[in-house]
Amino acid sequence: MTIYNLYKLLKEELKNGSSDLVTRPSGQVIRERIERDIAKEKDGEVIALDFSKIGIIDYSCADEIVAKLISRLVSGEYGDKYIVLKGLNENQKENIEVALERKDLAVMTEMRDGRRTIIGTLHNYLHETINLIFSKGKITAGELSEELNLPANTSGTRLLNLYKKRLVRRIIESRAEGRVWVYLPCI
């Protein structure tokens, strides 16, 4: 996992002495810097945007930074990479969640207290699936099918949807039954 310290980026890019992420133009400057950095990362990399030293983030900045990054991530603009949020407090989470919900997006988050959660818009059945991945650490479509008593195609579709939303990673493992996709949490 590669951690992008947003406080450090804020100081380098805006040089205004603030620890707050406010206004759309400020958000655009920070997002463009993050995009330049993401382009240098290798495929498969999990990029954590660290909010732990940030004060507030307003809606317009949350939309400009987080919602646009996640939208471009799921559309494939950054290749096979993942973005997670780290070190959020409840107020930051609220503004970011509104920005994500308005665009029907979701992102994996680790709160300041260590809780892992998804913020944004995600169907209940996908929440159920990702919670199972959290608890087990990793899962295959066959294991999900068995665990939740689902048809094989349904479990495969759920996992693929989570992967396409960049909420889980997937790797190929060789097992007795052959090569299978294994799905893992991003954090």
N, C-alpha and C. Protein backbone atom coordinates (compact mmCIF):
# COMPACT_ATOMS: atom_id res chain seq x y z
N MET A 1 0.85 -1.19 0.00
CA MET A 1 0.00 0.00 0.00
C MET A 1 0.89 1.24 0.00
N THR A 2 0.53 2.19 -0.84
CA THR A 2 1.23 3.46 -0.92
C THR A 2 0.33 4.53 -0.28
N ILE A 3 0.88 5.28 0.66
CA ILE A 3 0.08 6.28 1.37
C ILE A 3 0.41 7.68 0.85
N TYR A 4 -0.64 8.40 0.44
CA TYR A 4 -0.49 9.79 0.03
C TYR A 4 -0.98 10.65 1.19
N ASN A 5 -0.06 11.37 1.81
CA ASN A 5 -0.37 12.25 2.92
C ASN A 5 -0.99 13.54 2.35
N LEU A 6 -2.30 13.68 2.49
CA LEU A 6 -2.97 14.85 1.89
C LEU A 6 -2.53 16.15 2.53
N TYR A 7 -2.17 16.13 3.80
CA TYR A 7 -1.69 17.34 4.46
C TYR A 7 -0.40 17.80 3.78
N LYS A 8 0.50 16.86 3.51
CA LYS A 8 1.77 17.19 2.84
C LYS A 8 1.50 17.72 1.43
N LEU A 9 0.59 17.06 0.69
CA LEU A 9 0.26 17.53 -0.66
C LEU A 9 -0.35 18.93 -0.62
N LEU A 10 -1.18 19.17 0.37
CA LEU A 10 -1.82 20.49 0.54
C LEU A 10 -0.74 21.56 0.74
N LYS A 11 0.23 21.27 1.59
CA LYS A 11 1.32 22.23 1.86
C LYS A 11 2.16 22.47 0.60
N GLU A 12 2.47 21.40 -0.12
CA GLU A 12 3.31 21.51 -1.32
C GLU A 12 2.60 22.24 -2.45
N GLU A 13 1.33 21.96 -2.64
CA GLU A 13 0.62 22.49 -3.81
C GLU A 13 0.01 23.86 -3.58
N LEU A 14 -0.57 24.09 -2.40
CA LEU A 14 -1.29 25.36 -2.17
C LEU A 14 -0.49 26.38 -1.37
N LYS A 15 0.42 25.91 -0.55
CA LYS A 15 1.30 26.80 0.22
C LYS A 15 0.55 27.92 0.95
N ASN A 16 -0.64 27.58 1.51
CA ASN A 16 -1.43 28.63 2.15
C ASN A 16 -1.48 28.52 3.67
N GLY A 17 -0.81 27.52 4.24
CA GLY A 17 -0.76 27.39 5.69
C GLY A 17 -1.98 26.74 6.31
N SER A 18 -2.97 26.38 5.53
CA SER A 18 -4.19 25.80 6.06
C SER A 18 -4.08 24.27 6.10
N SER A 19 -4.84 23.67 7.01
CA SER A 19 -4.94 22.21 7.03
C SER A 19 -6.31 21.77 6.53
N ASP A 20 -7.08 22.72 6.00
CA ASP A 20 -8.43 22.43 5.53
C ASP A 20 -8.46 22.29 4.01
N LEU A 21 -9.28 21.37 3.54
CA LEU A 21 -9.50 21.19 2.11
C LEU A 21 -10.85 21.83 1.79
N VAL A 22 -10.79 23.03 1.27
CA VAL A 22 -12.01 23.77 0.96
C VAL A 22 -11.88 24.42 -0.42
N THR A 23 -12.98 24.57 -1.08
CA THR A 23 -13.19 25.17 -2.40
C THR A 23 -12.85 24.21 -3.54
N ARG A 24 -13.62 24.30 -4.57
CA ARG A 24 -13.43 23.46 -5.75
C ARG A 24 -12.07 23.71 -6.42
N PRO A 25 -11.64 24.98 -6.60
CA PRO A 25 -10.32 25.19 -7.22
C PRO A 25 -9.17 24.54 -6.43
N SER A 26 -9.23 24.63 -5.11
CA SER A 26 -8.20 23.96 -4.29
C SER A 26 -8.25 22.46 -4.49
N GLY A 27 -9.45 21.91 -4.52
CA GLY A 27 -9.61 20.48 -4.73
C GLY A 27 -9.07 20.04 -6.08
N GLN A 28 -9.26 20.86 -7.09
CA GLN A 28 -8.77 20.53 -8.43
C GLN A 28 -7.25 20.45 -8.43
N VAL A 29 -6.59 21.40 -7.77
CA VAL A 29 -5.12 21.40 -7.70
C VAL A 29 -4.63 20.13 -7.01
N ILE A 30 -5.25 19.76 -5.90
CA ILE A 30 -4.83 18.57 -5.16
C ILE A 30 -5.12 17.31 -5.99
N ARG A 31 -6.30 17.24 -6.62
CA ARG A 31 -6.64 16.06 -7.43
C ARG A 31 -5.67 15.89 -8.59
N GLU A 32 -5.33 16.98 -9.25
CA GLU A 32 -4.40 16.89 -10.38
C GLU A 32 -3.03 16.40 -9.92
N ARG A 33 -2.59 16.82 -8.75
CA ARG A 33 -1.32 16.32 -8.20
C ARG A 33 -1.41 14.83 -7.91
N ILE A 34 -2.52 14.40 -7.30
CA ILE A 34 -2.72 12.98 -7.01
C ILE A 34 -2.73 12.17 -8.30
N GLU A 35 -3.39 12.69 -9.33
CA GLU A 35 -3.45 11.98 -10.61
C GLU A 35 -2.06 11.83 -11.23
N ARG A 36 -1.23 12.85 -11.12
CA ARG A 36 0.15 12.75 -11.64
C ARG A 36 0.91 11.66 -10.89
N ASP A 37 0.70 11.59 -9.57
CA ASP A 37 1.38 10.59 -8.75
C ASP A 37 0.84 9.18 -9.04
N ILE A 38 -0.47 9.05 -9.19
CA ILE A 38 -1.08 7.74 -9.48
C ILE A 38 -0.54 7.18 -10.79
N ALA A 39 -0.33 8.04 -11.76
CA ALA A 39 0.17 7.59 -13.07
C ALA A 39 1.52 6.88 -12.94
N LYS A 40 2.29 7.19 -11.91
CA LYS A 40 3.62 6.59 -11.71
C LYS A 40 3.56 5.27 -10.96
N GLU A 41 2.41 4.94 -10.36
CA GLU A 41 2.28 3.72 -9.56
C GLU A 41 2.11 2.51 -10.47
N LYS A 42 2.55 1.36 -9.98
CA LYS A 42 2.43 0.13 -10.76
C LYS A 42 1.02 -0.44 -10.65
N ASP A 43 0.62 -1.22 -11.64
CA ASP A 43 -0.68 -1.87 -11.60
C ASP A 43 -0.78 -2.76 -10.37
N GLY A 44 -1.98 -2.84 -9.81
CA GLY A 44 -2.22 -3.63 -8.61
C GLY A 44 -2.00 -2.85 -7.32
N GLU A 45 -1.48 -1.63 -7.42
CA GLU A 45 -1.16 -0.84 -6.22
C GLU A 45 -2.43 -0.32 -5.55
N VAL A 46 -2.43 -0.38 -4.21
CA VAL A 46 -3.48 0.22 -3.40
C VAL A 46 -2.95 1.56 -2.92
N ILE A 47 -3.66 2.64 -3.25
CA ILE A 47 -3.25 3.99 -2.88
C ILE A 47 -4.18 4.48 -1.79
N ALA A 48 -3.62 4.80 -0.63
CA ALA A 48 -4.41 5.28 0.49
C ALA A 48 -4.27 6.79 0.58
N LEU A 49 -5.39 7.50 0.50
CA LEU A 49 -5.38 8.95 0.70
C LEU A 49 -5.56 9.18 2.19
N ASP A 50 -4.53 9.69 2.84
CA ASP A 50 -4.51 9.84 4.30
C ASP A 50 -5.01 11.22 4.71
N PHE A 51 -6.17 11.22 5.38
CA PHE A 51 -6.81 12.45 5.85
C PHE A 51 -6.50 12.76 7.31
N SER A 52 -5.64 12.02 7.96
CA SER A 52 -5.48 12.11 9.40
C SER A 52 -4.99 13.48 9.89
N LYS A 53 -4.29 14.24 9.06
CA LYS A 53 -3.82 15.57 9.47
C LYS A 53 -4.61 16.70 8.82
N ILE A 54 -5.70 16.33 8.16
CA ILE A 54 -6.56 17.33 7.51
C ILE A 54 -7.63 17.76 8.52
N GLY A 55 -7.95 19.05 8.50
CA GLY A 55 -9.02 19.57 9.36
C GLY A 55 -10.38 19.23 8.75
N ILE A 56 -10.93 20.17 8.03
CA ILE A 56 -12.22 19.92 7.40
C ILE A 56 -12.03 19.72 5.89
N ILE A 57 -13.00 19.06 5.31
CA ILE A 57 -13.09 18.97 3.86
C ILE A 57 -14.53 19.31 3.53
N ASP A 58 -14.73 20.35 2.72
CA ASP A 58 -16.10 20.74 2.38
C ASP A 58 -16.59 19.89 1.21
N TYR A 59 -17.90 20.01 0.93
CA TYR A 59 -18.51 19.20 -0.11
C TYR A 59 -17.84 19.41 -1.47
N SER A 60 -17.59 20.67 -1.84
CA SER A 60 -17.04 20.93 -3.18
C SER A 60 -15.65 20.33 -3.34
N CYS A 61 -14.87 20.37 -2.30
CA CYS A 61 -13.53 19.78 -2.35
C CYS A 61 -13.61 18.25 -2.33
N ALA A 62 -14.54 17.71 -1.55
CA ALA A 62 -14.75 16.26 -1.51
C ALA A 62 -15.17 15.76 -2.88
N ASP A 63 -16.05 16.51 -3.54
CA ASP A 63 -16.49 16.14 -4.87
C ASP A 63 -15.33 16.21 -5.87
N GLU A 64 -14.58 17.29 -5.80
CA GLU A 64 -13.48 17.52 -6.74
C GLU A 64 -12.35 16.50 -6.56
N ILE A 65 -12.03 16.17 -5.33
CA ILE A 65 -10.93 15.23 -5.10
C ILE A 65 -11.44 13.79 -5.11
N VAL A 66 -12.24 13.42 -4.14
CA VAL A 66 -12.58 12.02 -3.94
C VAL A 66 -13.55 11.50 -4.99
N ALA A 67 -14.67 12.17 -5.20
CA ALA A 67 -15.67 11.66 -6.14
C ALA A 67 -15.10 11.57 -7.56
N LYS A 68 -14.36 12.57 -7.99
CA LYS A 68 -13.79 12.52 -9.34
C LYS A 68 -12.72 11.44 -9.46
N LEU A 69 -11.88 11.30 -8.43
CA LEU A 69 -10.87 10.24 -8.47
C LEU A 69 -11.52 8.86 -8.56
N ILE A 70 -12.54 8.63 -7.73
CA ILE A 70 -13.20 7.31 -7.71
C ILE A 70 -13.94 7.08 -9.03
N SER A 71 -14.58 8.11 -9.55
CA SER A 71 -15.28 7.97 -10.83
C SER A 71 -14.31 7.59 -11.94
N ARG A 72 -13.17 8.23 -11.98
CA ARG A 72 -12.17 7.93 -13.02
C ARG A 72 -11.51 6.58 -12.78
N LEU A 73 -11.36 6.21 -11.51
CA LEU A 73 -10.79 4.90 -11.17
C LEU A 73 -11.68 3.78 -11.70
N VAL A 74 -12.98 3.85 -11.41
CA VAL A 74 -13.88 2.76 -11.83
C VAL A 74 -14.11 2.76 -13.35
N SER A 75 -13.86 3.88 -14.00
CA SER A 75 -13.99 3.90 -15.47
C SER A 75 -12.72 3.36 -16.14
N GLY A 76 -11.68 3.07 -15.36
CA GLY A 76 -10.47 2.46 -15.91
C GLY A 76 -9.38 3.42 -16.30
N GLU A 77 -9.53 4.71 -16.01
CA GLU A 77 -8.53 5.70 -16.42
C GLU A 77 -7.16 5.50 -15.77
N TYR A 78 -7.12 4.88 -14.59
CA TYR A 78 -5.85 4.73 -13.88
C TYR A 78 -5.28 3.32 -13.98
N GLY A 79 -5.90 2.46 -14.79
CA GLY A 79 -5.43 1.08 -14.91
C GLY A 79 -5.90 0.24 -13.73
N ASP A 80 -5.15 -0.80 -13.42
CA ASP A 80 -5.53 -1.74 -12.36
C ASP A 80 -4.96 -1.27 -11.03
N LYS A 81 -5.55 -0.21 -10.50
CA LYS A 81 -5.13 0.35 -9.22
C LYS A 81 -6.35 0.50 -8.33
N TYR A 82 -6.11 0.78 -7.07
CA TYR A 82 -7.18 0.89 -6.08
C TYR A 82 -6.94 2.13 -5.24
N ILE A 83 -8.02 2.79 -4.85
CA ILE A 83 -7.92 3.96 -3.97
C ILE A 83 -8.77 3.68 -2.74
N VAL A 84 -8.17 3.92 -1.58
CA VAL A 84 -8.88 3.82 -0.31
C VAL A 84 -8.65 5.12 0.46
N LEU A 85 -9.54 5.39 1.41
CA LEU A 85 -9.39 6.57 2.26
C LEU A 85 -8.98 6.10 3.64
N LYS A 86 -8.11 6.87 4.27
CA LYS A 86 -7.55 6.48 5.56
C LYS A 86 -7.55 7.68 6.50
N GLY A 87 -7.78 7.41 7.78
CA GLY A 87 -7.67 8.45 8.79
C GLY A 87 -8.79 9.47 8.81
N LEU A 88 -9.98 9.07 8.34
CA LEU A 88 -11.11 10.00 8.31
C LEU A 88 -11.74 10.16 9.69
N ASN A 89 -12.20 11.39 9.97
CA ASN A 89 -13.06 11.59 11.14
C ASN A 89 -14.51 11.60 10.64
N GLU A 90 -15.46 11.66 11.55
CA GLU A 90 -16.87 11.57 11.18
C GLU A 90 -17.33 12.73 10.29
N ASN A 91 -16.85 13.95 10.56
CA ASN A 91 -17.25 15.10 9.75
C ASN A 91 -16.73 14.99 8.32
N GLN A 92 -15.48 14.58 8.17
CA GLN A 92 -14.92 14.39 6.83
C GLN A 92 -15.70 13.31 6.10
N LYS A 93 -15.99 12.22 6.79
CA LYS A 93 -16.73 11.10 6.20
C LYS A 93 -18.07 11.57 5.66
N GLU A 94 -18.76 12.41 6.44
CA GLU A 94 -20.09 12.89 6.04
C GLU A 94 -20.05 13.64 4.71
N ASN A 95 -19.15 14.60 4.59
CA ASN A 95 -19.07 15.39 3.35
C ASN A 95 -18.62 14.56 2.16
N ILE A 96 -17.68 13.66 2.39
CA ILE A 96 -17.22 12.79 1.30
C ILE A 96 -18.34 11.85 0.88
N GLU A 97 -19.07 11.32 1.85
CA GLU A 97 -20.15 10.38 1.53
C GLU A 97 -21.23 11.03 0.68
N VAL A 98 -21.58 12.28 0.98
CA VAL A 98 -22.58 12.99 0.17
C VAL A 98 -22.09 13.13 -1.27
N ALA A 99 -20.83 13.51 -1.43
CA ALA A 99 -20.27 13.66 -2.79
C ALA A 99 -20.30 12.34 -3.55
N LEU A 100 -19.97 11.25 -2.87
CA LEU A 100 -19.98 9.93 -3.52
C LEU A 100 -21.40 9.48 -3.84
N GLU A 101 -22.32 9.67 -2.91
CA GLU A 101 -23.71 9.24 -3.12
C GLU A 101 -24.35 9.95 -4.30
N ARG A 102 -24.04 11.21 -4.48
CA ARG A 102 -24.62 11.96 -5.59
C ARG A 102 -24.16 11.44 -6.94
N LYS A 103 -23.05 10.70 -6.96
CA LYS A 103 -22.55 10.13 -8.22
C LYS A 103 -22.65 8.60 -8.21
N ASP A 104 -23.38 8.06 -7.23
CA ASP A 104 -23.60 6.62 -7.14
C ASP A 104 -22.27 5.85 -7.08
N LEU A 105 -21.35 6.33 -6.24
CA LEU A 105 -20.02 5.73 -6.09
C LEU A 105 -19.82 5.27 -4.65
N ALA A 106 -18.82 4.44 -4.44
CA ALA A 106 -18.47 3.97 -3.10
C ALA A 106 -16.95 3.81 -3.02
N VAL A 107 -16.43 3.89 -1.79
CA VAL A 107 -14.99 3.73 -1.57
C VAL A 107 -14.76 3.04 -0.22
N MET A 108 -13.70 2.25 -0.17
CA MET A 108 -13.28 1.60 1.07
C MET A 108 -12.59 2.64 1.95
N THR A 109 -12.92 2.59 3.24
CA THR A 109 -12.42 3.60 4.16
C THR A 109 -11.96 2.97 5.47
N GLU A 110 -10.87 3.49 5.99
CA GLU A 110 -10.45 3.14 7.34
C GLU A 110 -10.54 4.41 8.17
N MET A 111 -11.43 4.40 9.15
CA MET A 111 -11.66 5.57 9.98
C MET A 111 -10.48 5.77 10.95
N ARG A 112 -10.45 6.93 11.60
CA ARG A 112 -9.37 7.20 12.55
C ARG A 112 -9.34 6.21 13.70
N ASP A 113 -10.51 5.67 14.05
CA ASP A 113 -10.57 4.69 15.14
C ASP A 113 -10.25 3.27 14.68
N GLY A 114 -9.87 3.11 13.40
CA GLY A 114 -9.48 1.80 12.89
C GLY A 114 -10.60 1.01 12.23
N ARG A 115 -11.85 1.46 12.34
CA ARG A 115 -12.96 0.75 11.71
C ARG A 115 -12.82 0.80 10.20
N ARG A 116 -13.04 -0.32 9.54
CA ARG A 116 -13.09 -0.36 8.08
C ARG A 116 -14.55 -0.33 7.67
N THR A 117 -14.86 0.51 6.70
CA THR A 117 -16.23 0.62 6.24
C THR A 117 -16.25 1.08 4.79
N ILE A 118 -17.39 0.93 4.19
CA ILE A 118 -17.61 1.44 2.83
C ILE A 118 -18.45 2.69 2.98
N ILE A 119 -18.05 3.77 2.31
CA ILE A 119 -18.90 4.96 2.29
C ILE A 119 -19.32 5.23 0.85
N GLY A 120 -20.49 5.82 0.72
CA GLY A 120 -21.06 6.06 -0.59
C GLY A 120 -22.26 5.14 -0.80
N THR A 121 -22.54 4.83 -2.06
CA THR A 121 -23.70 4.03 -2.42
C THR A 121 -23.28 2.62 -2.78
N LEU A 122 -23.86 1.65 -2.08
CA LEU A 122 -23.58 0.24 -2.35
C LEU A 122 -24.80 -0.57 -1.93
N HIS A 123 -25.26 -1.45 -2.82
CA HIS A 123 -26.42 -2.29 -2.52
C HIS A 123 -26.16 -3.17 -1.30
N ASN A 124 -27.22 -3.48 -0.57
CA ASN A 124 -27.11 -4.29 0.64
C ASN A 124 -26.45 -5.64 0.39
N TYR A 125 -26.79 -6.29 -0.73
CA TYR A 125 -26.21 -7.60 -1.00
C TYR A 125 -24.70 -7.51 -1.23
N LEU A 126 -24.23 -6.37 -1.75
CA LEU A 126 -22.78 -6.19 -1.90
C LEU A 126 -22.13 -5.87 -0.56
N HIS A 127 -22.85 -5.15 0.31
CA HIS A 127 -22.36 -4.94 1.68
C HIS A 127 -22.19 -6.28 2.38
N GLU A 128 -23.19 -7.14 2.25
CA GLU A 128 -23.13 -8.47 2.85
C GLU A 128 -21.90 -9.23 2.34
N THR A 129 -21.66 -9.15 1.06
CA THR A 129 -20.54 -9.85 0.45
C THR A 129 -19.21 -9.30 0.92
N ILE A 130 -19.07 -7.99 0.95
CA ILE A 130 -17.78 -7.42 1.36
C ILE A 130 -17.53 -7.63 2.85
N ASN A 131 -18.58 -7.64 3.66
CA ASN A 131 -18.41 -7.94 5.09
C ASN A 131 -17.89 -9.36 5.28
N LEU A 132 -18.35 -10.28 4.45
CA LEU A 132 -17.86 -11.65 4.52
C LEU A 132 -16.38 -11.71 4.10
N ILE A 133 -16.01 -10.94 3.09
CA ILE A 133 -14.61 -10.88 2.67
C ILE A 133 -13.75 -10.33 3.81
N PHE A 134 -14.24 -9.28 4.49
CA PHE A 134 -13.52 -8.73 5.66
C PHE A 134 -13.31 -9.82 6.70
N SER A 135 -14.37 -10.55 7.02
CA SER A 135 -14.27 -11.52 8.11
C SER A 135 -13.39 -12.71 7.74
N LYS A 136 -13.41 -13.13 6.50
CA LYS A 136 -12.63 -14.30 6.08
C LYS A 136 -11.21 -13.93 5.61
N GLY A 137 -11.00 -12.68 5.20
CA GLY A 137 -9.70 -12.25 4.69
C GLY A 137 -9.57 -12.41 3.19
N LYS A 138 -10.17 -13.46 2.64
CA LYS A 138 -10.19 -13.66 1.19
C LYS A 138 -11.26 -14.70 0.89
N ILE A 139 -11.74 -14.68 -0.37
CA ILE A 139 -12.81 -15.62 -0.72
C ILE A 139 -12.83 -15.85 -2.23
N THR A 140 -13.28 -17.03 -2.63
CA THR A 140 -13.50 -17.34 -4.04
C THR A 140 -15.01 -17.34 -4.28
N ALA A 141 -15.40 -17.36 -5.54
CA ALA A 141 -16.82 -17.42 -5.87
C ALA A 141 -17.45 -18.69 -5.32
N GLY A 142 -16.73 -19.81 -5.41
CA GLY A 142 -17.24 -21.07 -4.87
C GLY A 142 -17.46 -21.01 -3.38
N GLU A 143 -16.51 -20.43 -2.67
CA GLU A 143 -16.64 -20.31 -1.21
C GLU A 143 -17.79 -19.38 -0.83
N LEU A 144 -17.95 -18.28 -1.59
CA LEU A 144 -19.06 -17.37 -1.33
C LEU A 144 -20.39 -18.07 -1.58
N SER A 145 -20.45 -18.81 -2.66
CA SER A 145 -21.66 -19.55 -3.01
C SER A 145 -22.05 -20.52 -1.88
N GLU A 146 -21.06 -21.21 -1.37
CA GLU A 146 -21.30 -22.16 -0.28
C GLU A 146 -21.70 -21.45 1.01
N GLU A 147 -20.98 -20.39 1.34
CA GLU A 147 -21.21 -19.66 2.60
C GLU A 147 -22.60 -19.04 2.67
N LEU A 148 -23.05 -18.44 1.55
CA LEU A 148 -24.34 -17.74 1.54
C LEU A 148 -25.45 -18.52 0.83
N ASN A 149 -25.13 -19.76 0.45
CA ASN A 149 -26.11 -20.61 -0.24
C ASN A 149 -26.66 -19.92 -1.49
N LEU A 150 -25.73 -19.46 -2.34
CA LEU A 150 -26.08 -18.75 -3.57
C LEU A 150 -25.74 -19.60 -4.78
N PRO A 151 -26.46 -19.40 -5.89
CA PRO A 151 -26.02 -20.03 -7.14
C PRO A 151 -24.62 -19.52 -7.51
N ALA A 152 -23.85 -20.38 -8.17
CA ALA A 152 -22.46 -20.02 -8.51
C ALA A 152 -22.38 -18.74 -9.34
N ASN A 153 -23.29 -18.57 -10.31
CA ASN A 153 -23.22 -17.37 -11.15
C ASN A 153 -23.52 -16.11 -10.34
N THR A 154 -24.39 -16.21 -9.34
CA THR A 154 -24.71 -15.05 -8.49
C THR A 154 -23.50 -14.64 -7.65
N SER A 155 -22.83 -15.61 -7.06
CA SER A 155 -21.67 -15.27 -6.23
C SER A 155 -20.55 -14.69 -7.09
N GLY A 156 -20.36 -15.25 -8.28
CA GLY A 156 -19.34 -14.72 -9.18
C GLY A 156 -19.65 -13.30 -9.61
N THR A 157 -20.93 -13.02 -9.87
CA THR A 157 -21.34 -11.67 -10.28
C THR A 157 -21.13 -10.67 -9.14
N ARG A 158 -21.48 -11.06 -7.93
CA ARG A 158 -21.27 -10.17 -6.78
C ARG A 158 -19.79 -9.79 -6.64
N LEU A 159 -18.94 -10.78 -6.70
CA LEU A 159 -17.51 -10.51 -6.54
C LEU A 159 -16.97 -9.67 -7.69
N LEU A 160 -17.42 -9.95 -8.89
CA LEU A 160 -16.99 -9.16 -10.04
C LEU A 160 -17.46 -7.71 -9.91
N ASN A 161 -18.68 -7.50 -9.43
CA ASN A 161 -19.18 -6.13 -9.23
C ASN A 161 -18.35 -5.37 -8.20
N LEU A 162 -17.98 -6.03 -7.12
CA LEU A 162 -17.13 -5.38 -6.11
C LEU A 162 -15.76 -5.06 -6.69
N TYR A 163 -15.23 -5.96 -7.51
CA TYR A 163 -13.94 -5.72 -8.15
C TYR A 163 -14.03 -4.55 -9.13
N LYS A 164 -15.06 -4.50 -9.94
CA LYS A 164 -15.22 -3.41 -10.90
C LYS A 164 -15.37 -2.07 -10.21
N LYS A 165 -15.95 -2.06 -9.01
CA LYS A 165 -16.07 -0.83 -8.23
C LYS A 165 -14.78 -0.51 -7.48
N ARG A 166 -13.78 -1.38 -7.64
CA ARG A 166 -12.47 -1.22 -7.01
C ARG A 166 -12.56 -1.24 -5.49
N LEU A 167 -13.51 -2.03 -4.95
CA LEU A 167 -13.66 -2.17 -3.51
C LEU A 167 -12.94 -3.40 -2.98
N VAL A 168 -12.59 -4.32 -3.88
CA VAL A 168 -11.80 -5.49 -3.52
C VAL A 168 -10.76 -5.72 -4.62
N ARG A 169 -9.68 -6.35 -4.23
CA ARG A 169 -8.64 -6.76 -5.18
C ARG A 169 -8.90 -8.20 -5.57
N ARG A 170 -8.34 -8.62 -6.69
CA ARG A 170 -8.42 -10.04 -7.03
C ARG A 170 -7.08 -10.52 -7.57
N ILE A 171 -6.79 -11.75 -7.22
CA ILE A 171 -5.56 -12.40 -7.67
C ILE A 171 -5.92 -13.81 -8.14
N ILE A 172 -5.06 -14.41 -8.91
CA ILE A 172 -5.25 -15.80 -9.33
C ILE A 172 -4.40 -16.68 -8.43
N GLU A 173 -5.03 -17.73 -7.91
CA GLU A 173 -4.31 -18.72 -7.11
C GLU A 173 -4.46 -20.08 -7.76
N SER A 174 -3.40 -20.88 -7.67
CA SER A 174 -3.48 -22.27 -8.12
C SER A 174 -3.92 -23.11 -6.94
N ARG A 175 -4.98 -23.86 -7.15
CA ARG A 175 -5.51 -24.74 -6.11
C ARG A 175 -5.70 -26.12 -6.70
N ALA A 176 -6.09 -27.05 -5.87
CA ALA A 176 -6.30 -28.43 -6.33
C ALA A 176 -7.29 -28.48 -7.49
N GLU A 177 -8.32 -27.63 -7.44
CA GLU A 177 -9.34 -27.62 -8.50
C GLU A 177 -8.91 -26.80 -9.72
N GLY A 178 -7.72 -26.25 -9.68
CA GLY A 178 -7.21 -25.45 -10.80
C GLY A 178 -6.96 -24.01 -10.39
N ARG A 179 -6.82 -23.15 -11.38
CA ARG A 179 -6.59 -21.72 -11.11
C ARG A 179 -7.92 -21.03 -10.86
N VAL A 180 -8.00 -20.28 -9.77
CA VAL A 180 -9.25 -19.59 -9.41
C VAL A 180 -8.95 -18.15 -9.01
N TRP A 181 -9.95 -17.28 -9.23
CA TRP A 181 -9.86 -15.91 -8.76
C TRP A 181 -10.12 -15.90 -7.26
N VAL A 182 -9.28 -15.18 -6.55
CA VAL A 182 -9.45 -15.00 -5.11
C VAL A 182 -9.61 -13.51 -4.86
N TYR A 183 -10.62 -13.13 -4.10
CA TYR A 183 -10.93 -11.72 -3.84
C TYR A 183 -10.53 -11.37 -2.42
N LEU A 184 -9.86 -10.20 -2.29
CA LEU A 184 -9.31 -9.77 -1.00
C LEU A 184 -9.70 -8.32 -0.74
N PRO A 185 -9.77 -7.94 0.55
CA PRO A 185 -10.03 -6.51 0.84
C PRO A 185 -8.84 -5.66 0.38
N CYS A 186 -9.12 -4.41 0.07
CA CYS A 186 -8.04 -3.47 -0.30
C CYS A 186 -7.23 -3.03 0.92
N ILE A 187 -7.91 -3.01 2.07
CA ILE A 187 -7.20 -2.66 3.32
C ILE A 187 -7.58 -3.64 4.40
